[in-house]
C-alpha cells in the first residue's frame, strides 16, 4: 500500500488557526479548541493511506479539478490528491455553515 505525504496549504493552515482561535477565545473553550485540533490532525493524517477513498466534492468547477471533500464533525476538509508525487494537499478547512462556495473561491489549487 502506498503512503502519501499530507501537506497543508497556507490558506488551509490559516483557516485551522482561525477556527482554533475562535473556539478558544470567542467561545472561551481552550480545552475544546485543543480537542478539535487534535481530532483534525488525526483525520488529516489518515489521508496518508488511500486518500482517493474520499469522494470528490459535488461543487463545480472544483469537482472537475479533482478536489475531494471530507466531513470532520461540523467542518469540511477539501483536498487534492497528487498521485504521481504521492502527496495530498489540504486546500481548505471550512465550518459547515459557512458559504462553501465563497471559501472555495479563495483557495489555491495551483500547487507544486
N, C-alpha and C. Protein backbone atom coordinates (compact mmCIF):
# COMPACT_ATOMS: atom_id res chain seq x y z
N UNK A 1 0.85 -1.19 0.00
CA UNK A 1 0.00 0.00 0.00
C UNK A 1 0.89 1.25 0.00
N UNK A 2 0.51 2.19 -0.84
CA UNK A 2 1.28 3.42 -0.95
C UNK A 2 0.98 4.38 0.20
N UNK A 3 2.01 5.10 0.61
CA UNK A 3 1.88 6.07 1.69
C UNK A 3 2.02 7.47 1.09
N UNK A 4 1.03 8.31 1.33
CA UNK A 4 1.02 9.68 0.82
C UNK A 4 1.50 10.65 1.89
N UNK A 5 2.24 11.64 1.46
CA UNK A 5 2.64 12.74 2.33
C UNK A 5 1.48 13.73 2.37
N UNK A 6 1.02 14.11 3.57
CA UNK A 6 -0.08 15.06 3.70
C UNK A 6 0.51 16.44 3.96
N UNK A 7 0.19 17.39 3.07
CA UNK A 7 0.68 18.75 3.19
C UNK A 7 -0.51 19.70 3.31
N UNK A 8 -0.30 20.79 4.00
CA UNK A 8 -1.37 21.77 4.22
C UNK A 8 -0.97 23.09 3.57
N UNK A 9 -1.85 23.62 2.72
CA UNK A 9 -1.56 24.91 2.08
C UNK A 9 -1.62 26.02 3.13
N UNK A 10 -0.94 27.14 2.88
CA UNK A 10 -1.01 28.27 3.82
C UNK A 10 -2.46 28.71 4.08
N UNK A 11 -3.30 28.68 3.05
CA UNK A 11 -4.70 29.08 3.20
C UNK A 11 -5.43 28.17 4.19
N UNK A 12 -5.27 26.86 4.03
CA UNK A 12 -5.93 25.90 4.94
C UNK A 12 -5.36 26.01 6.35
N UNK A 13 -4.06 26.25 6.45
CA UNK A 13 -3.44 26.41 7.78
C UNK A 13 -4.01 27.64 8.49
N UNK A 14 -4.16 28.74 7.76
CA UNK A 14 -4.77 29.94 8.36
C UNK A 14 -6.19 29.67 8.83
N UNK A 15 -6.94 28.92 8.02
CA UNK A 15 -8.31 28.59 8.40
C UNK A 15 -8.33 27.76 9.69
N UNK A 16 -7.44 26.80 9.80
CA UNK A 16 -7.37 25.97 11.01
C UNK A 16 -7.00 26.81 12.22
N UNK A 17 -6.06 27.74 12.05
CA UNK A 17 -5.67 28.63 13.14
C UNK A 17 -6.84 29.51 13.57
N UNK A 18 -7.58 30.04 12.60
CA UNK A 18 -8.73 30.89 12.92
C UNK A 18 -9.81 30.11 13.65
N UNK A 19 -10.07 28.88 13.24
CA UNK A 19 -11.08 28.05 13.90
C UNK A 19 -10.64 27.76 15.34
N UNK A 20 -9.38 27.41 15.50
CA UNK A 20 -8.86 27.12 16.85
C UNK A 20 -8.95 28.35 17.74
N UNK A 21 -8.56 29.52 17.20
CA UNK A 21 -8.65 30.77 17.97
C UNK A 21 -10.10 31.09 18.34
N UNK A 22 -11.01 30.90 17.39
CA UNK A 22 -12.43 31.17 17.63
C UNK A 22 -12.96 30.30 18.77
N UNK A 23 -12.68 29.02 18.71
CA UNK A 23 -13.17 28.11 19.76
C UNK A 23 -12.55 28.47 21.10
N UNK A 24 -11.25 28.77 21.09
CA UNK A 24 -10.54 29.06 22.33
C UNK A 24 -10.94 30.40 22.94
N UNK A 25 -10.90 31.47 22.13
CA UNK A 25 -11.11 32.82 22.66
C UNK A 25 -12.57 33.25 22.65
N UNK A 26 -13.22 33.18 21.50
CA UNK A 26 -14.59 33.66 21.38
C UNK A 26 -15.55 32.78 22.16
N UNK A 27 -15.42 31.48 21.99
CA UNK A 27 -16.29 30.55 22.73
C UNK A 27 -15.76 30.26 24.13
N UNK A 28 -14.58 30.80 24.42
CA UNK A 28 -13.93 30.65 25.72
C UNK A 28 -13.83 29.19 26.15
N UNK A 29 -13.32 28.39 25.23
CA UNK A 29 -13.18 26.96 25.50
C UNK A 29 -11.86 26.42 24.96
N UNK A 30 -10.75 26.78 25.63
CA UNK A 30 -9.45 26.32 25.15
C UNK A 30 -9.33 24.79 25.12
N UNK A 31 -10.00 24.11 26.03
CA UNK A 31 -9.96 22.65 26.05
C UNK A 31 -10.61 22.08 24.80
N UNK A 32 -11.76 22.63 24.41
CA UNK A 32 -12.42 22.17 23.19
C UNK A 32 -11.61 22.52 21.95
N UNK A 33 -10.92 23.65 21.97
CA UNK A 33 -10.08 24.04 20.84
C UNK A 33 -8.95 23.01 20.67
N UNK A 34 -8.35 22.62 21.78
CA UNK A 34 -7.27 21.63 21.73
C UNK A 34 -7.80 20.28 21.24
N UNK A 35 -8.97 19.89 21.72
CA UNK A 35 -9.59 18.63 21.29
C UNK A 35 -9.91 18.67 19.80
N UNK A 36 -10.47 19.80 19.34
CA UNK A 36 -10.80 19.95 17.92
C UNK A 36 -9.55 19.82 17.06
N UNK A 37 -8.49 20.52 17.46
CA UNK A 37 -7.25 20.50 16.68
C UNK A 37 -6.65 19.09 16.65
N UNK A 38 -6.68 18.40 17.78
CA UNK A 38 -6.17 17.03 17.83
C UNK A 38 -6.94 16.10 16.92
N UNK A 39 -8.25 16.21 16.93
CA UNK A 39 -9.07 15.37 16.06
C UNK A 39 -8.82 15.69 14.59
N UNK A 40 -8.72 16.99 14.28
CA UNK A 40 -8.48 17.39 12.90
C UNK A 40 -7.14 16.85 12.41
N UNK A 41 -6.11 16.97 13.22
CA UNK A 41 -4.79 16.45 12.84
C UNK A 41 -4.84 14.94 12.60
N UNK A 42 -5.58 14.23 13.43
CA UNK A 42 -5.72 12.78 13.28
C UNK A 42 -6.42 12.44 11.96
N UNK A 43 -7.50 13.15 11.65
CA UNK A 43 -8.25 12.91 10.41
C UNK A 43 -7.41 13.24 9.18
N UNK A 44 -6.64 14.32 9.25
CA UNK A 44 -5.79 14.70 8.12
C UNK A 44 -4.68 13.67 7.93
N UNK A 45 -4.11 13.21 9.02
CA UNK A 45 -3.05 12.19 8.94
C UNK A 45 -3.57 10.90 8.31
N UNK A 46 -4.84 10.59 8.53
CA UNK A 46 -5.43 9.37 7.97
C UNK A 46 -5.49 9.41 6.44
N UNK A 47 -5.38 10.60 5.88
CA UNK A 47 -5.38 10.73 4.41
C UNK A 47 -4.08 10.21 3.78
N UNK A 48 -3.11 9.86 4.61
CA UNK A 48 -1.85 9.32 4.08
C UNK A 48 -2.05 7.93 3.48
N UNK A 49 -3.18 7.32 3.79
CA UNK A 49 -3.50 6.00 3.27
C UNK A 49 -4.80 6.05 2.47
N UNK A 50 -4.73 5.70 1.23
CA UNK A 50 -5.89 5.65 0.32
C UNK A 50 -6.74 6.93 0.35
N UNK A 51 -6.16 8.07 0.07
CA UNK A 51 -6.92 9.33 0.13
C UNK A 51 -8.06 9.40 -0.89
N UNK A 52 -7.94 8.66 -1.97
CA UNK A 52 -8.96 8.74 -3.01
C UNK A 52 -10.23 7.97 -2.64
N UNK A 53 -10.24 7.36 -1.45
CA UNK A 53 -11.47 6.71 -0.96
C UNK A 53 -12.53 7.75 -0.60
N UNK A 54 -12.08 8.97 -0.36
CA UNK A 54 -12.98 10.08 -0.05
C UNK A 54 -13.51 10.63 -1.37
N UNK A 55 -14.83 10.79 -1.51
CA UNK A 55 -15.38 11.25 -2.79
C UNK A 55 -15.00 12.69 -3.15
N UNK A 56 -15.08 12.96 -4.43
CA UNK A 56 -14.88 14.32 -4.92
C UNK A 56 -16.05 15.19 -4.45
N UNK A 57 -15.78 16.49 -4.30
CA UNK A 57 -16.84 17.41 -3.97
C UNK A 57 -17.83 17.50 -5.14
N UNK A 58 -19.07 17.79 -4.86
CA UNK A 58 -20.08 17.94 -5.91
C UNK A 58 -19.97 19.29 -6.60
N UNK A 59 -19.44 20.29 -5.89
CA UNK A 59 -19.39 21.66 -6.41
C UNK A 59 -18.45 21.77 -7.60
N UNK A 60 -18.93 22.48 -8.61
CA UNK A 60 -18.09 22.77 -9.78
C UNK A 60 -17.58 24.20 -9.66
N UNK A 61 -16.40 24.50 -10.17
CA UNK A 61 -15.55 23.68 -11.01
C UNK A 61 -14.59 22.77 -10.24
N UNK A 62 -14.70 22.75 -8.91
CA UNK A 62 -13.75 22.01 -8.09
C UNK A 62 -13.85 20.50 -8.29
N UNK A 63 -15.04 20.00 -8.57
CA UNK A 63 -15.20 18.59 -8.87
C UNK A 63 -14.33 18.21 -10.07
N UNK A 64 -14.43 18.99 -11.12
CA UNK A 64 -13.65 18.73 -12.33
C UNK A 64 -12.15 18.89 -12.12
N UNK A 65 -11.77 19.67 -11.11
CA UNK A 65 -10.35 19.87 -10.79
C UNK A 65 -9.81 18.78 -9.87
N UNK A 66 -10.68 17.85 -9.45
CA UNK A 66 -10.23 16.74 -8.62
C UNK A 66 -10.16 17.03 -7.14
N UNK A 67 -10.94 18.00 -6.67
CA UNK A 67 -10.95 18.34 -5.25
C UNK A 67 -11.91 17.41 -4.50
N UNK A 68 -11.40 16.78 -3.46
CA UNK A 68 -12.19 15.88 -2.63
C UNK A 68 -12.75 16.65 -1.44
N UNK A 69 -13.84 16.15 -0.85
CA UNK A 69 -14.44 16.79 0.32
C UNK A 69 -14.67 15.74 1.39
N UNK A 70 -14.10 15.98 2.58
CA UNK A 70 -14.22 15.07 3.71
C UNK A 70 -14.90 15.80 4.87
N UNK A 71 -15.87 15.16 5.49
CA UNK A 71 -16.56 15.73 6.64
C UNK A 71 -15.82 15.31 7.91
N UNK A 72 -15.51 16.31 8.74
CA UNK A 72 -14.92 16.06 10.06
C UNK A 72 -15.78 16.81 11.05
N UNK A 73 -16.68 16.07 11.69
CA UNK A 73 -17.70 16.65 12.58
C UNK A 73 -18.46 17.74 11.82
N UNK A 74 -18.39 18.99 12.29
CA UNK A 74 -19.16 20.05 11.61
C UNK A 74 -18.27 20.93 10.72
N UNK A 75 -17.16 20.36 10.28
CA UNK A 75 -16.27 21.06 9.36
C UNK A 75 -16.08 20.22 8.10
N UNK A 76 -15.75 20.90 7.02
CA UNK A 76 -15.48 20.23 5.74
C UNK A 76 -14.03 20.47 5.37
N UNK A 77 -13.35 19.41 5.00
CA UNK A 77 -11.96 19.48 4.59
C UNK A 77 -11.92 19.22 3.08
N UNK A 78 -11.33 20.15 2.36
CA UNK A 78 -11.17 19.99 0.91
C UNK A 78 -9.70 19.69 0.63
N UNK A 79 -9.48 18.72 -0.26
CA UNK A 79 -8.10 18.37 -0.57
C UNK A 79 -7.97 17.84 -1.99
N UNK A 80 -6.74 17.85 -2.47
CA UNK A 80 -6.40 17.43 -3.80
C UNK A 80 -5.33 16.35 -3.69
N UNK A 81 -5.47 15.28 -4.46
CA UNK A 81 -4.52 14.17 -4.42
C UNK A 81 -3.56 14.30 -5.61
N UNK A 82 -2.29 14.43 -5.30
CA UNK A 82 -1.23 14.47 -6.31
C UNK A 82 -0.63 13.06 -6.35
N UNK A 83 -1.31 12.15 -7.04
CA UNK A 83 -0.92 10.73 -7.06
C UNK A 83 0.49 10.49 -7.60
N UNK A 84 0.91 11.15 -8.69
CA UNK A 84 2.26 10.88 -9.19
C UNK A 84 3.36 11.16 -8.17
N UNK A 85 3.12 12.15 -7.28
CA UNK A 85 4.13 12.51 -6.27
C UNK A 85 3.79 11.99 -4.89
N UNK A 86 2.73 11.18 -4.81
CA UNK A 86 2.26 10.61 -3.52
C UNK A 86 2.10 11.70 -2.46
N UNK A 87 1.35 12.75 -2.83
CA UNK A 87 1.06 13.85 -1.90
C UNK A 87 -0.44 14.11 -1.85
N UNK A 88 -0.88 14.53 -0.69
CA UNK A 88 -2.24 15.02 -0.51
C UNK A 88 -2.10 16.47 -0.05
N UNK A 89 -2.76 17.36 -0.76
CA UNK A 89 -2.73 18.78 -0.41
C UNK A 89 -4.06 19.17 0.23
N UNK A 90 -4.03 19.55 1.50
CA UNK A 90 -5.22 20.09 2.17
C UNK A 90 -5.35 21.53 1.69
N UNK A 91 -6.45 21.83 1.00
CA UNK A 91 -6.59 23.15 0.38
C UNK A 91 -7.55 24.08 1.13
N UNK A 92 -8.45 23.52 1.95
CA UNK A 92 -9.38 24.35 2.71
C UNK A 92 -9.99 23.55 3.85
N UNK A 93 -10.25 24.23 4.97
CA UNK A 93 -10.95 23.66 6.11
C UNK A 93 -12.03 24.68 6.48
N UNK A 94 -13.29 24.28 6.32
CA UNK A 94 -14.39 25.24 6.40
C UNK A 94 -15.46 24.75 7.37
N UNK A 95 -15.94 25.67 8.20
CA UNK A 95 -17.08 25.36 9.07
C UNK A 95 -18.28 25.08 8.18
N UNK A 96 -19.00 24.03 8.47
CA UNK A 96 -20.09 23.56 7.62
C UNK A 96 -21.19 24.57 7.33
N UNK A 97 -21.38 25.55 8.20
CA UNK A 97 -22.45 26.53 7.98
C UNK A 97 -21.98 27.78 7.25
N UNK A 98 -20.69 27.85 6.95
CA UNK A 98 -20.19 28.97 6.17
C UNK A 98 -20.51 28.74 4.70
N UNK A 99 -20.41 29.78 3.93
CA UNK A 99 -20.61 29.66 2.48
C UNK A 99 -19.45 28.86 1.90
N UNK A 100 -19.74 27.65 1.48
CA UNK A 100 -18.70 26.79 0.92
C UNK A 100 -18.13 27.40 -0.36
N UNK A 101 -19.00 27.89 -1.22
CA UNK A 101 -18.56 28.47 -2.49
C UNK A 101 -17.60 29.63 -2.25
N UNK A 102 -17.93 30.51 -1.31
CA UNK A 102 -17.07 31.66 -1.02
C UNK A 102 -15.69 31.20 -0.56
N UNK A 103 -15.65 30.21 0.30
CA UNK A 103 -14.38 29.70 0.81
C UNK A 103 -13.59 29.01 -0.30
N UNK A 104 -14.27 28.23 -1.13
CA UNK A 104 -13.60 27.50 -2.21
C UNK A 104 -13.03 28.45 -3.26
N UNK A 105 -13.70 29.55 -3.48
CA UNK A 105 -13.21 30.51 -4.47
C UNK A 105 -11.89 31.15 -4.02
N UNK A 106 -11.61 31.13 -2.73
CA UNK A 106 -10.39 31.74 -2.22
C UNK A 106 -9.21 30.78 -2.15
N UNK A 107 -9.47 29.47 -2.24
CA UNK A 107 -8.37 28.52 -2.07
C UNK A 107 -7.53 28.42 -3.34
N UNK A 108 -6.26 28.09 -3.16
CA UNK A 108 -5.32 27.96 -4.25
C UNK A 108 -5.23 26.49 -4.65
N UNK A 109 -5.54 26.18 -5.90
CA UNK A 109 -5.44 24.80 -6.38
C UNK A 109 -4.25 24.62 -7.32
N UNK A 110 -3.47 25.65 -7.51
CA UNK A 110 -2.27 25.55 -8.35
C UNK A 110 -1.07 25.30 -7.44
N UNK A 111 -0.75 24.02 -7.21
CA UNK A 111 0.29 23.65 -6.26
C UNK A 111 1.44 22.95 -6.96
N UNK A 112 2.56 22.85 -6.24
CA UNK A 112 3.76 22.16 -6.78
C UNK A 112 3.49 20.69 -6.97
